[in-house]
Amino acid sequence: MSEESLERIYTINLGKVLLSPNNQRAKRAINMIREFASKHMKSDTVKIEEDISHLVWARGIRHPPRKIRVKLSKDDDGNIIVSKYQEEKKVEEKPKKEEKKVEEKPKKEEKKTTKSPEK
């Protein structure tokens, strides 16, 4: 029985990374991504693409992202590949807005105010 490659899209919550020490957070985030992938895709061999690693480490070891959107794909050998999820942009034609004609209103003449003499 050959399985087709299985692909799923997940948002991984990395909020618990903040419970670890400052200088270990990005490492812990990578480990959490590995654990998440192996748990949800039922396999132990997890490979994280370089894009995901750059995304986690972009702001340094102390400030990894709180959430990350990934695509998990499992091949026939049982290997899980974690890659960055890129949304497909939907092309929808929006109806063009009708141009509103701005009617010029006649300006009201300014009334001249006379100052009353001070006593």
PDB file of N, CA and C in Angstrom:
ATOM      1  N   MET A   1       0.833  -1.187   0.000  1.00  0.00           N
ATOM      2  CA  MET A   1       0.000   0.000   0.000  1.00  0.00           C
ATOM      3  C   MET A   1       0.878   1.251   0.000  1.00  0.00           C
ATOM      4  N   SER A   2       0.801   2.012  -1.032  1.00  0.00           N
ATOM      5  CA  SER A   2       1.562   3.250  -1.038  1.00  0.00           C
ATOM      6  C   SER A   2       0.624   4.400  -0.688  1.00  0.00           C
ATOM      7  N   GLU A   3       1.076   5.173   0.249  1.00  0.00           N
ATOM      8  CA  GLU A   3       0.276   6.330   0.671  1.00  0.00           C
ATOM      9  C   GLU A   3       0.662   7.521  -0.185  1.00  0.00           C
ATOM     10  N   GLU A   4      -0.300   8.347  -0.443  1.00  0.00           N
ATOM     11  CA  GLU A   4       0.016   9.596  -1.106  1.00  0.00           C
ATOM     12  C   GLU A   4       0.633  10.508  -0.065  1.00  0.00           C
ATOM     13  N   SER A   5       1.405  11.473  -0.521  1.00  0.00           N
ATOM     14  CA  SER A   5       2.014  12.377   0.457  1.00  0.00           C
ATOM     15  C   SER A   5       0.903  13.166   1.145  1.00  0.00           C
ATOM     16  N   LEU A   6       0.982  13.203   2.438  1.00  0.00           N
ATOM     17  CA  LEU A   6      -0.040  13.826   3.263  1.00  0.00           C
ATOM     18  C   LEU A   6       0.409  15.234   3.610  1.00  0.00           C
ATOM     19  N   GLU A   7      -0.426  16.232   3.351  1.00  0.00           N
ATOM     20  CA  GLU A   7      -0.081  17.619   3.647  1.00  0.00           C
ATOM     21  C   GLU A   7      -1.161  18.238   4.508  1.00  0.00           C
ATOM     22  N   ARG A   8      -0.724  18.917   5.542  1.00  0.00           N
ATOM     23  CA  ARG A   8      -1.643  19.634   6.420  1.00  0.00           C
ATOM     24  C   ARG A   8      -1.050  20.988   6.766  1.00  0.00           C
ATOM     25  N   ILE A   9      -1.945  21.917   7.068  1.00  0.00           N
ATOM     26  CA  ILE A   9      -1.524  23.268   7.435  1.00  0.00           C
ATOM     27  C   ILE A   9      -1.934  23.512   8.874  1.00  0.00           C
ATOM     28  N   TYR A  10      -0.983  23.976   9.681  1.00  0.00           N
ATOM     29  CA  TYR A  10      -1.225  24.207  11.101  1.00  0.00           C
ATOM     30  C   TYR A  10      -0.707  25.582  11.513  1.00  0.00           C
ATOM     31  N   THR A  11      -1.309  26.101  12.570  1.00  0.00           N
ATOM     32  CA  THR A  11      -0.757  27.251  13.267  1.00  0.00           C
ATOM     33  C   THR A  11      -0.253  26.729  14.603  1.00  0.00           C
ATOM     34  N   ILE A  12       1.035  26.817  14.817  1.00  0.00           N
ATOM     35  CA  ILE A  12       1.637  26.295  16.043  1.00  0.00           C
ATOM     36  C   ILE A  12       1.776  27.427  17.043  1.00  0.00           C
ATOM     37  N   ASN A  13       1.217  27.230  18.219  1.00  0.00           N
ATOM     38  CA  ASN A  13       1.306  28.214  19.282  1.00  0.00           C
ATOM     39  C   ASN A  13       2.605  27.995  20.037  1.00  0.00           C
ATOM     40  N   LEU A  14       3.461  28.990  20.028  1.00  0.00           N
ATOM     41  CA  LEU A  14       4.752  28.894  20.701  1.00  0.00           C
ATOM     42  C   LEU A  14       4.789  29.742  21.965  1.00  0.00           C
ATOM     43  N   GLY A  15       3.642  30.001  22.544  1.00  0.00           N
ATOM     44  CA  GLY A  15       3.567  30.862  23.722  1.00  0.00           C
ATOM     45  C   GLY A  15       4.296  30.313  24.924  1.00  0.00           C
ATOM     46  N   LYS A  16       4.349  28.998  25.067  1.00  0.00           N
ATOM     47  CA  LYS A  16       5.013  28.406  26.228  1.00  0.00           C
ATOM     48  C   LYS A  16       6.524  28.541  26.175  1.00  0.00           C
ATOM     49  N   VAL A  17       7.038  29.006  25.046  1.00  0.00           N
ATOM     50  CA  VAL A  17       8.478  29.252  24.937  1.00  0.00           C
ATOM     51  C   VAL A  17       8.905  30.301  25.958  1.00  0.00           C
ATOM     52  N   LEU A  18       8.009  31.211  26.274  1.00  0.00           N
ATOM     53  CA  LEU A  18       8.345  32.292  27.202  1.00  0.00           C
ATOM     54  C   LEU A  18       8.600  31.792  28.617  1.00  0.00           C
ATOM     55  N   LEU A  19       8.225  30.546  28.919  1.00  0.00           N
ATOM     56  CA  LEU A  19       8.474  29.998  30.246  1.00  0.00           C
ATOM     57  C   LEU A  19       9.930  29.557  30.409  1.00  0.00           C
ATOM     58  N   SER A  20      10.631  29.368  29.303  1.00  0.00           N
ATOM     59  CA  SER A  20      12.032  28.961  29.382  1.00  0.00           C
ATOM     60  C   SER A  20      12.913  30.202  29.558  1.00  0.00           C
ATOM     61  N   PRO A  21      14.169  30.014  29.971  1.00  0.00           N
ATOM     62  CA  PRO A  21      15.075  31.158  30.173  1.00  0.00           C
ATOM     63  C   PRO A  21      15.274  31.958  28.889  1.00  0.00           C
ATOM     64  N   ASN A  22      15.626  33.236  29.066  1.00  0.00           N
ATOM     65  CA  ASN A  22      15.797  34.149  27.931  1.00  0.00           C
ATOM     66  C   ASN A  22      16.727  33.607  26.864  1.00  0.00           C
ATOM     67  N   ASN A  23      17.855  33.059  27.283  1.00  0.00           N
ATOM     68  CA  ASN A  23      18.873  32.673  26.313  1.00  0.00           C
ATOM     69  C   ASN A  23      18.658  31.272  25.748  1.00  0.00           C
ATOM     70  N   GLN A  24      17.458  30.717  25.880  1.00  0.00           N
ATOM     71  CA  GLN A  24      17.178  29.394  25.341  1.00  0.00           C
ATOM     72  C   GLN A  24      15.863  29.342  24.559  1.00  0.00           C
ATOM     73  N   ARG A  25      15.232  30.477  24.354  1.00  0.00           N
ATOM     74  CA  ARG A  25      13.870  30.481  23.810  1.00  0.00           C
ATOM     75  C   ARG A  25      13.780  30.026  22.364  1.00  0.00           C
ATOM     76  N   ALA A  26      14.648  30.488  21.504  1.00  0.00           N
ATOM     77  CA  ALA A  26      14.565  30.092  20.095  1.00  0.00           C
ATOM     78  C   ALA A  26      14.871  28.597  19.937  1.00  0.00           C
ATOM     79  N   LYS A  27      15.823  28.092  20.721  1.00  0.00           N
ATOM     80  CA  LYS A  27      16.120  26.654  20.679  1.00  0.00           C
ATOM     81  C   LYS A  27      14.893  25.864  21.099  1.00  0.00           C
ATOM     82  N   ARG A  28      14.226  26.324  22.155  1.00  0.00           N
ATOM     83  CA  ARG A  28      13.032  25.648  22.655  1.00  0.00           C
ATOM     84  C   ARG A  28      11.911  25.712  21.618  1.00  0.00           C
ATOM     85  N   ALA A  29      11.805  26.816  20.898  1.00  0.00           N
ATOM     86  CA  ALA A  29      10.778  26.952  19.864  1.00  0.00           C
ATOM     87  C   ALA A  29      10.986  25.919  18.759  1.00  0.00           C
ATOM     88  N   ILE A  30      12.220  25.712  18.347  1.00  0.00           N
ATOM     89  CA  ILE A  30      12.515  24.709  17.317  1.00  0.00           C
ATOM     90  C   ILE A  30      12.137  23.323  17.831  1.00  0.00           C
ATOM     91  N   ASN A  31      12.467  23.040  19.086  1.00  0.00           N
ATOM     92  CA  ASN A  31      12.121  21.738  19.669  1.00  0.00           C
ATOM     93  C   ASN A  31      10.607  21.552  19.767  1.00  0.00           C
ATOM     94  N   MET A  32       9.890  22.634  20.092  1.00  0.00           N
ATOM     95  CA  MET A  32       8.430  22.556  20.163  1.00  0.00           C
ATOM     96  C   MET A  32       7.819  22.278  18.793  1.00  0.00           C
ATOM     97  N   ILE A  33       8.398  22.856  17.752  1.00  0.00           N
ATOM     98  CA  ILE A  33       7.917  22.601  16.390  1.00  0.00           C
ATOM     99  C   ILE A  33       8.133  21.134  16.032  1.00  0.00           C
ATOM    100  N   ARG A  34       9.300  20.588  16.398  1.00  0.00           N
ATOM    101  CA  ARG A  34       9.584  19.164  16.159  1.00  0.00           C
ATOM    102  C   ARG A  34       8.579  18.269  16.885  1.00  0.00           C
ATOM    103  N   GLU A  35       8.326  18.566  18.171  1.00  0.00           N
ATOM    104  CA  GLU A  35       7.391  17.771  18.968  1.00  0.00           C
ATOM    105  C   GLU A  35       5.990  17.828  18.382  1.00  0.00           C
ATOM    106  N   PHE A  36       5.564  19.016  17.986  1.00  0.00           N
ATOM    107  CA  PHE A  36       4.236  19.211  17.412  1.00  0.00           C
ATOM    108  C   PHE A  36       4.083  18.384  16.134  1.00  0.00           C
ATOM    109  N   ALA A  37       5.097  18.450  15.272  1.00  0.00           N
ATOM    110  CA  ALA A  37       5.037  17.739  13.990  1.00  0.00           C
ATOM    111  C   ALA A  37       4.998  16.235  14.208  1.00  0.00           C
ATOM    112  N   SER A  38       5.817  15.729  15.105  1.00  0.00           N
ATOM    113  CA  SER A  38       5.835  14.283  15.318  1.00  0.00           C
ATOM    114  C   SER A  38       4.549  13.800  15.967  1.00  0.00           C
ATOM    115  N   LYS A  39       3.942  14.611  16.801  1.00  0.00           N
ATOM    116  CA  LYS A  39       2.688  14.236  17.465  1.00  0.00           C
ATOM    117  C   LYS A  39       1.520  14.208  16.472  1.00  0.00           C
ATOM    118  N   HIS A  40       1.428  15.229  15.633  1.00  0.00           N
ATOM    119  CA  HIS A  40       0.274  15.354  14.750  1.00  0.00           C
ATOM    120  C   HIS A  40       0.385  14.527  13.475  1.00  0.00           C
ATOM    121  N   MET A  41       1.599  14.239  13.037  1.00  0.00           N
ATOM    122  CA  MET A  41       1.767  13.483  11.802  1.00  0.00           C
ATOM    123  C   MET A  41       2.179  12.030  12.061  1.00  0.00           C
ATOM    124  N   LYS A  42       2.314  11.647  13.326  1.00  0.00           N
ATOM    125  CA  LYS A  42       2.571  10.254  13.731  1.00  0.00           C
ATOM    126  C   LYS A  42       3.850   9.669  13.114  1.00  0.00           C
ATOM    127  N   SER A  43       4.944  10.407  13.261  1.00  0.00           N
ATOM    128  CA  SER A  43       6.233   9.908  12.804  1.00  0.00           C
ATOM    129  C   SER A  43       7.333  10.584  13.616  1.00  0.00           C
ATOM    130  N   ASP A  44       8.495   9.927  13.715  1.00  0.00           N
ATOM    131  CA  ASP A  44       9.569  10.474  14.535  1.00  0.00           C
ATOM    132  C   ASP A  44      10.614  11.255  13.742  1.00  0.00           C
ATOM    133  N   THR A  45      10.711  11.038  12.449  1.00  0.00           N
ATOM    134  CA  THR A  45      11.720  11.734  11.660  1.00  0.00           C
ATOM    135  C   THR A  45      11.147  13.038  11.129  1.00  0.00           C
ATOM    136  N   VAL A  46      11.638  14.125  11.692  1.00  0.00           N
ATOM    137  CA  VAL A  46      11.135  15.455  11.343  1.00  0.00           C
ATOM    138  C   VAL A  46      12.282  16.276  10.776  1.00  0.00           C
ATOM    139  N   LYS A  47      12.055  16.895   9.632  1.00  0.00           N
ATOM    140  CA  LYS A  47      13.039  17.781   9.033  1.00  0.00           C
ATOM    141  C   LYS A  47      12.427  19.168   8.916  1.00  0.00           C
ATOM    142  N   ILE A  48      13.112  20.152   9.480  1.00  0.00           N
ATOM    143  CA  ILE A  48      12.626  21.533   9.454  1.00  0.00           C
ATOM    144  C   ILE A  48      13.396  22.281   8.371  1.00  0.00           C
ATOM    145  N   GLU A  49      12.661  22.929   7.479  1.00  0.00           N
ATOM    146  CA  GLU A  49      13.298  23.669   6.394  1.00  0.00           C
ATOM    147  C   GLU A  49      13.990  24.911   6.938  1.00  0.00           C
ATOM    148  N   GLU A  50      14.903  25.408   6.147  1.00  0.00           N
ATOM    149  CA  GLU A  50      15.715  26.547   6.543  1.00  0.00           C
ATOM    150  C   GLU A  50      14.868  27.812   6.724  1.00  0.00           C
ATOM    151  N   ASP A  51      13.802  27.957   5.939  1.00  0.00           N
ATOM    152  CA  ASP A  51      12.936  29.138   6.053  1.00  0.00           C
ATOM    153  C   ASP A  51      12.309  29.239   7.439  1.00  0.00           C
ATOM    154  N   ILE A  52      11.878  28.107   7.976  1.00  0.00           N
ATOM    155  CA  ILE A  52      11.269  28.096   9.306  1.00  0.00           C
ATOM    156  C   ILE A  52      12.305  28.485  10.348  1.00  0.00           C
ATOM    157  N   SER A  53      13.502  27.952  10.209  1.00  0.00           N
ATOM    158  CA  SER A  53      14.568  28.262  11.153  1.00  0.00           C
ATOM    159  C   SER A  53      14.886  29.762  11.125  1.00  0.00           C
ATOM    160  N   HIS A  54      14.967  30.326   9.931  1.00  0.00           N
ATOM    161  CA  HIS A  54      15.238  31.764   9.819  1.00  0.00           C
ATOM    162  C   HIS A  54      14.106  32.587  10.416  1.00  0.00           C
ATOM    163  N   LEU A  55      12.887  32.112  10.245  1.00  0.00           N
ATOM    164  CA  LEU A  55      11.730  32.817  10.786  1.00  0.00           C
ATOM    165  C   LEU A  55      11.755  32.839  12.317  1.00  0.00           C
ATOM    166  N   VAL A  56      12.128  31.712  12.917  1.00  0.00           N
ATOM    167  CA  VAL A  56      12.181  31.629  14.384  1.00  0.00           C
ATOM    168  C   VAL A  56      13.335  32.455  14.936  1.00  0.00           C
ATOM    169  N   TRP A  57      14.472  32.409  14.275  1.00  0.00           N
ATOM    170  CA  TRP A  57      15.671  33.071  14.775  1.00  0.00           C
ATOM    171  C   TRP A  57      15.798  34.525  14.306  1.00  0.00           C
ATOM    172  N   ALA A  58      14.838  35.033  13.561  1.00  0.00           N
ATOM    173  CA  ALA A  58      14.955  36.372  12.957  1.00  0.00           C
ATOM    174  C   ALA A  58      15.166  37.474  13.988  1.00  0.00           C
ATOM    175  N   ARG A  59      14.510  37.382  15.122  1.00  0.00           N
ATOM    176  CA  ARG A  59      14.632  38.432  16.137  1.00  0.00           C
ATOM    177  C   ARG A  59      15.565  38.022  17.274  1.00  0.00           C
ATOM    178  N   GLY A  60      16.361  37.018  17.043  1.00  0.00           N
ATOM    179  CA  GLY A  60      17.352  36.608  18.031  1.00  0.00           C
ATOM    180  C   GLY A  60      16.868  35.450  18.884  1.00  0.00           C
ATOM    181  N   ILE A  61      17.733  35.023  19.793  1.00  0.00           N
ATOM    182  CA  ILE A  61      17.441  33.862  20.623  1.00  0.00           C
ATOM    183  C   ILE A  61      16.397  34.176  21.686  1.00  0.00           C
ATOM    184  N   ARG A  62      16.295  35.436  22.069  1.00  0.00           N
ATOM    185  CA  ARG A  62      15.422  35.812  23.190  1.00  0.00           C
ATOM    186  C   ARG A  62      13.985  36.108  22.801  1.00  0.00           C
ATOM    187  N   HIS A  63      13.728  36.414  21.524  1.00  0.00           N
ATOM    188  CA  HIS A  63      12.388  36.860  21.115  1.00  0.00           C
ATOM    189  C   HIS A  63      11.844  36.082  19.917  1.00  0.00           C
ATOM    190  N   PRO A  64      11.578  34.795  20.064  1.00  0.00           N
ATOM    191  CA  PRO A  64      10.969  34.055  18.951  1.00  0.00           C
ATOM    192  C   PRO A  64       9.501  34.454  18.789  1.00  0.00           C
ATOM    193  N   PRO A  65       8.885  34.146  17.647  1.00  0.00           N
ATOM    194  CA  PRO A  65       7.481  34.518  17.442  1.00  0.00           C
ATOM    195  C   PRO A  65       6.551  33.738  18.366  1.00  0.00           C
ATOM    196  N   ARG A  66       5.381  34.309  18.659  1.00  0.00           N
ATOM    197  CA  ARG A  66       4.396  33.648  19.521  1.00  0.00           C
ATOM    198  C   ARG A  66       3.634  32.559  18.789  1.00  0.00           C
ATOM    199  N   LYS A  67       3.408  32.755  17.505  1.00  0.00           N
ATOM    200  CA  LYS A  67       2.706  31.776  16.681  1.00  0.00           C
ATOM    201  C   LYS A  67       3.441  31.658  15.360  1.00  0.00           C
ATOM    202  N   ILE A  68       3.304  30.503  14.735  1.00  0.00           N
ATOM    203  CA  ILE A  68       3.939  30.304  13.446  1.00  0.00           C
ATOM    204  C   ILE A  68       3.016  29.436  12.592  1.00  0.00           C
ATOM    205  N   ARG A  69       2.867  29.794  11.324  1.00  0.00           N
ATOM    206  CA  ARG A  69       1.985  29.069  10.399  1.00  0.00           C
ATOM    207  C   ARG A  69       2.863  28.184   9.523  1.00  0.00           C
ATOM    208  N   VAL A  70       2.612  26.873   9.558  1.00  0.00           N
ATOM    209  CA  VAL A  70       3.467  25.935   8.834  1.00  0.00           C
ATOM    210  C   VAL A  70       2.650  24.956   8.012  1.00  0.00           C
ATOM    211  N   LYS A  71       3.325  24.341   7.044  1.00  0.00           N
ATOM    212  CA  LYS A  71       2.731  23.266   6.259  1.00  0.00           C
ATOM    213  C   LYS A  71       3.534  22.012   6.561  1.00  0.00           C
ATOM    214  N   LEU A  72       2.864  20.988   7.073  1.00  0.00           N
ATOM    215  CA  LEU A  72       3.515  19.725   7.374  1.00  0.00           C
ATOM    216  C   LEU A  72       3.187  18.747   6.254  1.00  0.00           C
ATOM    217  N   SER A  73       4.205  18.136   5.700  1.00  0.00           N
ATOM    218  CA  SER A  73       3.980  17.150   4.650  1.00  0.00           C
ATOM    219  C   SER A  73       4.748  15.874   4.997  1.00  0.00           C
ATOM    220  N   LYS A  74       4.077  14.751   4.798  1.00  0.00           N
ATOM    221  CA  LYS A  74       4.647  13.436   5.116  1.00  0.00           C
ATOM    222  C   LYS A  74       4.778  12.655   3.822  1.00  0.00           C
ATOM    223  N   ASP A  75       5.966  12.146   3.577  1.00  0.00           N
ATOM    224  CA  ASP A  75       6.168  11.375   2.343  1.00  0.00           C
ATOM    225  C   ASP A  75       5.973   9.884   2.599  1.00  0.00           C
ATOM    226  N   ASP A  76       6.196   9.089   1.567  1.00  0.00           N
ATOM    227  CA  ASP A  76       5.961   7.642   1.649  1.00  0.00           C
ATOM    228  C   ASP A  76       6.858   6.946   2.665  1.00  0.00           C
ATOM    229  N   ASP A  77       8.057   7.482   2.886  1.00  0.00           N
ATOM    230  CA  ASP A  77       9.002   6.866   3.821  1.00  0.00           C
ATOM    231  C   ASP A  77       8.696   7.199   5.272  1.00  0.00           C
ATOM    232  N   GLY A  78       7.751   8.097   5.516  1.00  0.00           N
ATOM    233  CA  GLY A  78       7.398   8.482   6.876  1.00  0.00           C
ATOM    234  C   GLY A  78       8.158   9.695   7.373  1.00  0.00           C
ATOM    235  N   ASN A  79       8.893  10.368   6.502  1.00  0.00           N
ATOM    236  CA  ASN A  79       9.605  11.584   6.878  1.00  0.00           C
ATOM    237  C   ASN A  79       8.640  12.756   6.861  1.00  0.00           C
ATOM    238  N   ILE A  80       8.755  13.613   7.864  1.00  0.00           N
ATOM    239  CA  ILE A  80       7.905  14.815   7.937  1.00  0.00           C
ATOM    240  C   ILE A  80       8.762  16.012   7.569  1.00  0.00           C
ATOM    241  N   ILE A  81       8.269  16.824   6.664  1.00  0.00           N
ATOM    242  CA  ILE A  81       8.970  18.046   6.277  1.00  0.00           C
ATOM    243  C   ILE A  81       8.118  19.228   6.719  1.00  0.00           C
ATOM    244  N   VAL A  82       8.729  20.088   7.535  1.00  0.00           N
ATOM    245  CA  VAL A  82       8.052  21.282   8.042  1.00  0.00           C
ATOM    246  C   VAL A  82       8.506  22.448   7.182  1.00  0.00           C
ATOM    247  N   SER A  83       7.566  23.082   6.489  1.00  0.00           N
ATOM    248  CA  SER A  83       7.905  24.210   5.629  1.00  0.00           C
ATOM    249  C   SER A  83       7.011  25.397   5.936  1.00  0.00           C
ATOM    250  N   LYS A  84       7.433  26.537   5.466  1.00  0.00           N
ATOM    251  CA  LYS A  84       6.683  27.772   5.688  1.00  0.00           C
ATOM    252  C   LYS A  84       5.422  27.759   4.837  1.00  0.00           C
ATOM    253  N   TYR A  85       4.308  28.143   5.431  1.00  0.00           N
ATOM    254  CA  TYR A  85       3.043  28.176   4.698  1.00  0.00           C
ATOM    255  C   TYR A  85       2.915  29.507   3.990  1.00  0.00           C
ATOM    256  N   GLN A  86       2.661  29.434   2.689  1.00  0.00           N
ATOM    257  CA  GLN A  86       2.432  30.643   1.907  1.00  0.00           C
ATOM    258  C   GLN A  86       1.039  30.571   1.334  1.00  0.00           C
ATOM    259  N   GLU A  87       0.242  31.548   1.706  1.00  0.00           N
ATOM    260  CA  GLU A  87      -1.151  31.562   1.261  1.00  0.00           C
ATOM    261  C   GLU A  87      -1.217  31.815  -0.239  1.00  0.00           C
ATOM    262  N   GLU A  88      -2.156  31.157  -0.845  1.00  0.00           N
ATOM    263  CA  GLU A  88      -2.402  31.411  -2.254  1.00  0.00           C
ATOM    264  C   GLU A  88      -3.293  32.632  -2.347  1.00  0.00           C
ATOM    265  N   LYS A  89      -2.833  33.605  -3.069  1.00  0.00           N
ATOM    266  CA  LYS A  89      -3.610  34.831  -3.183  1.00  0.00           C
ATOM    267  C   LYS A  89      -4.754  34.608  -4.143  1.00  0.00           C
ATOM    268  N   LYS A  90      -5.940  34.887  -3.661  1.00  0.00           N
ATOM    269  CA  LYS A  90      -7.127  34.730  -4.495  1.00  0.00           C
ATOM    270  C   LYS A  90      -7.311  35.995  -5.316  1.00  0.00           C
ATOM    271  N   VAL A  91      -7.501  35.798  -6.592  1.00  0.00           N
ATOM    272  CA  VAL A  91      -7.701  36.938  -7.475  1.00  0.00           C
ATOM    273  C   VAL A  91      -9.196  37.102  -7.681  1.00  0.00           C
ATOM    274  N   GLU A  92      -9.715  38.140  -7.088  1.00  0.00           N
ATOM    275  CA  GLU A  92     -11.136  38.435  -7.236  1.00  0.00           C
ATOM    276  C   GLU A  92     -11.275  39.801  -7.877  1.00  0.00           C
ATOM    277  N   GLU A  93     -12.148  39.854  -8.833  1.00  0.00           N
ATOM    278  CA  GLU A  93     -12.374  41.135  -9.480  1.00  0.00           C
ATOM    279  C   GLU A  93     -13.432  41.898  -8.698  1.00  0.00           C
ATOM    280  N   LYS A  94     -13.005  42.996  -8.151  1.00  0.00           N
ATOM    281  CA  LYS A  94     -13.952  43.823  -7.421  1.00  0.00           C
ATOM    282  C   LYS A  94     -14.594  44.791  -8.405  1.00  0.00           C
ATOM    283  N   PRO A  95     -15.885  45.000  -8.256  1.00  0.00           N
ATOM    284  CA  PRO A  95     -16.519  45.964  -9.165  1.00  0.00           C
ATOM    285  C   PRO A  95     -15.943  47.358  -8.918  1.00  0.00           C
ATOM    286  N   LYS A  96     -15.699  48.029 -10.008  1.00  0.00           N
ATOM    287  CA  LYS A  96     -15.123  49.364  -9.883  1.00  0.00           C
ATOM    288  C   LYS A  96     -16.135  50.302  -9.253  1.00  0.00           C
ATOM    289  N   LYS A  97     -15.632  51.106  -8.354  1.00  0.00           N
ATOM    290  CA  LYS A  97     -16.509  52.065  -7.702  1.00  0.00           C
ATOM    291  C   LYS A  97     -16.878  53.150  -8.701  1.00  0.00           C
ATOM    292  N   GLU A  98     -18.141  53.502  -8.660  1.00  0.00           N
ATOM    293  CA  GLU A  98     -18.589  54.559  -9.553  1.00  0.00           C
ATOM    294  C   GLU A  98     -18.034  55.882  -9.048  1.00  0.00           C
ATOM    295  N   GLU A  99     -17.575  56.641  -9.985  1.00  0.00           N
ATOM    296  CA  GLU A  99     -17.014  57.925  -9.604  1.00  0.00           C
ATOM    297  C   GLU A  99     -18.144  58.855  -9.180  1.00  0.00           C
ATOM    298  N   LYS A 100     -17.985  59.368  -8.009  1.00  0.00           N
ATOM    299  CA  LYS A 100     -18.996  60.301  -7.510  1.00  0.00           C
ATOM    300  C   LYS A 100     -18.677  61.690  -8.031  1.00  0.00           C
ATOM    301  N   LYS A 101     -19.697  62.279  -8.598  1.00  0.00           N
ATOM    302  CA  LYS A 101     -19.498  63.618  -9.113  1.00  0.00           C
ATOM    303  C   LYS A 101     -19.683  64.596  -7.970  1.00  0.00           C
ATOM    304  N   VAL A 102     -18.706  65.417  -7.794  1.00  0.00           N
ATOM    305  CA  VAL A 102     -18.751  66.400  -6.720  1.00  0.00           C
ATOM    306  C   VAL A 102     -19.364  67.674  -7.290  1.00  0.00           C
ATOM    307  N   GLU A 103     -20.498  68.030  -6.749  1.00  0.00           N
ATOM    308  CA  GLU A 103     -21.148  69.244  -7.206  1.00  0.00           C
ATOM    309  C   GLU A 103     -20.599  70.411  -6.412  1.00  0.00           C
ATOM    310  N   GLU A 104     -20.285  71.432  -7.131  1.00  0.00           N
ATOM    311  CA  GLU A 104     -19.763  72.612  -6.452  1.00  0.00           C
ATOM    312  C   GLU A 104     -20.922  73.411  -5.902  1.00  0.00           C
ATOM    313  N   LYS A 105     -20.840  73.626  -4.616  1.00  0.00           N
ATOM    314  CA  LYS A 105     -21.883  74.419  -3.972  1.00  0.00           C
ATOM    315  C   LYS A 105     -21.473  75.885  -4.038  1.00  0.00           C
ATOM    316  N   PRO A 106     -22.452  76.740  -4.319  1.00  0.00           N
ATOM    317  CA  PRO A 106     -22.093  78.161  -4.358  1.00  0.00           C
ATOM    318  C   PRO A 106     -21.683  78.625  -2.966  1.00  0.00           C
ATOM    319  N   LYS A 107     -20.611  79.386  -2.936  1.00  0.00           N
ATOM    320  CA  LYS A 107     -20.115  79.855  -1.644  1.00  0.00           C
ATOM    321  C   LYS A 107     -21.020  80.964  -1.137  1.00  0.00           C
ATOM    322  N   LYS A 108     -21.292  80.895   0.141  1.00  0.00           N
ATOM    323  CA  LYS A 108     -22.104  81.942   0.755  1.00  0.00           C
ATOM    324  C   LYS A 108     -21.204  83.148   0.970  1.00  0.00           C
ATOM    325  N   GLU A 109     -21.806  84.287   0.759  1.00  0.00           N
ATOM    326  CA  GLU A 109     -21.031  85.507   0.958  1.00  0.00           C
ATOM    327  C   GLU A 109     -20.816  85.714   2.436  1.00  0.00           C
ATOM    328  N   GLU A 110     -19.597  86.060   2.742  1.00  0.00           N
ATOM    329  CA  GLU A 110     -19.278  86.269   4.142  1.00  0.00           C
ATOM    330  C   GLU A 110     -19.885  87.587   4.591  1.00  0.00           C
ATOM    331  N   LYS A 111     -20.522  87.535   5.724  1.00  0.00           N
ATOM    332  CA  LYS A 111     -21.119  88.749   6.253  1.00  0.00           C
ATOM    333  C   LYS A 111     -20.042  89.563   6.943  1.00  0.00           C
ATOM    334  N   LYS A 112     -20.119  90.816   6.706  1.00  0.00           N
ATOM    335  CA  LYS A 112     -19.160  91.698   7.350  1.00  0.00           C
ATOM    336  C   LYS A 112     -19.684  91.996   8.732  1.00  0.00           C
ATOM    337  N   THR A 113     -18.853  91.791   9.691  1.00  0.00           N
ATOM    338  CA  THR A 113     -19.257  92.082  11.065  1.00  0.00           C
ATOM    339  C   THR A 113     -18.689  93.405  11.467  1.00  0.00           C
ATOM    340  N   THR A 114     -19.541  94.154  12.087  1.00  0.00           N
ATOM    341  CA  THR A 114     -19.072  95.463  12.553  1.00  0.00           C
ATOM    342  C   THR A 114     -18.835  95.373  14.039  1.00  0.00           C
ATOM    343  N   LYS A 115     -17.753  95.908  14.434  1.00  0.00           N
ATOM    344  CA  LYS A 115     -17.420  95.873  15.843  1.00  0.00           C
ATOM    345  C   LYS A 115     -18.090  97.069  16.508  1.00  0.00           C
ATOM    346  N   SER A 116     -18.669  96.757  17.630  1.00  0.00           N
ATOM    347  CA  SER A 116     -19.287  97.857  18.365  1.00  0.00           C
ATOM    348  C   SER A 116     -18.191  98.626  19.105  1.00  0.00           C
ATOM    349  N   PRO A 117     -18.349  99.911  19.149  1.00  0.00           N
ATOM    350  CA  PRO A 117     -17.304 100.707  19.788  1.00  0.00           C
ATOM    351  C   PRO A 117     -17.260 100.391  21.296  1.00  0.00           C
ATOM    352  N   GLU A 118     -16.049 100.330  21.796  1.00  0.00           N
ATOM    353  CA  GLU A 118     -15.870 100.008  23.211  1.00  0.00           C
ATOM    354  C   GLU A 118     -16.092 101.259  24.024  1.00  0.00           C
ATOM    355  N   LYS A 119     -16.667 101.083  25.172  1.00  0.00           N
ATOM    356  CA  LYS A 119     -16.925 102.235  26.027  1.00  0.00           C
ATOM    357  C   LYS A 119     -15.910 102.387  27.096  1.00  0.00           C
TER     358      LYS A 119
END
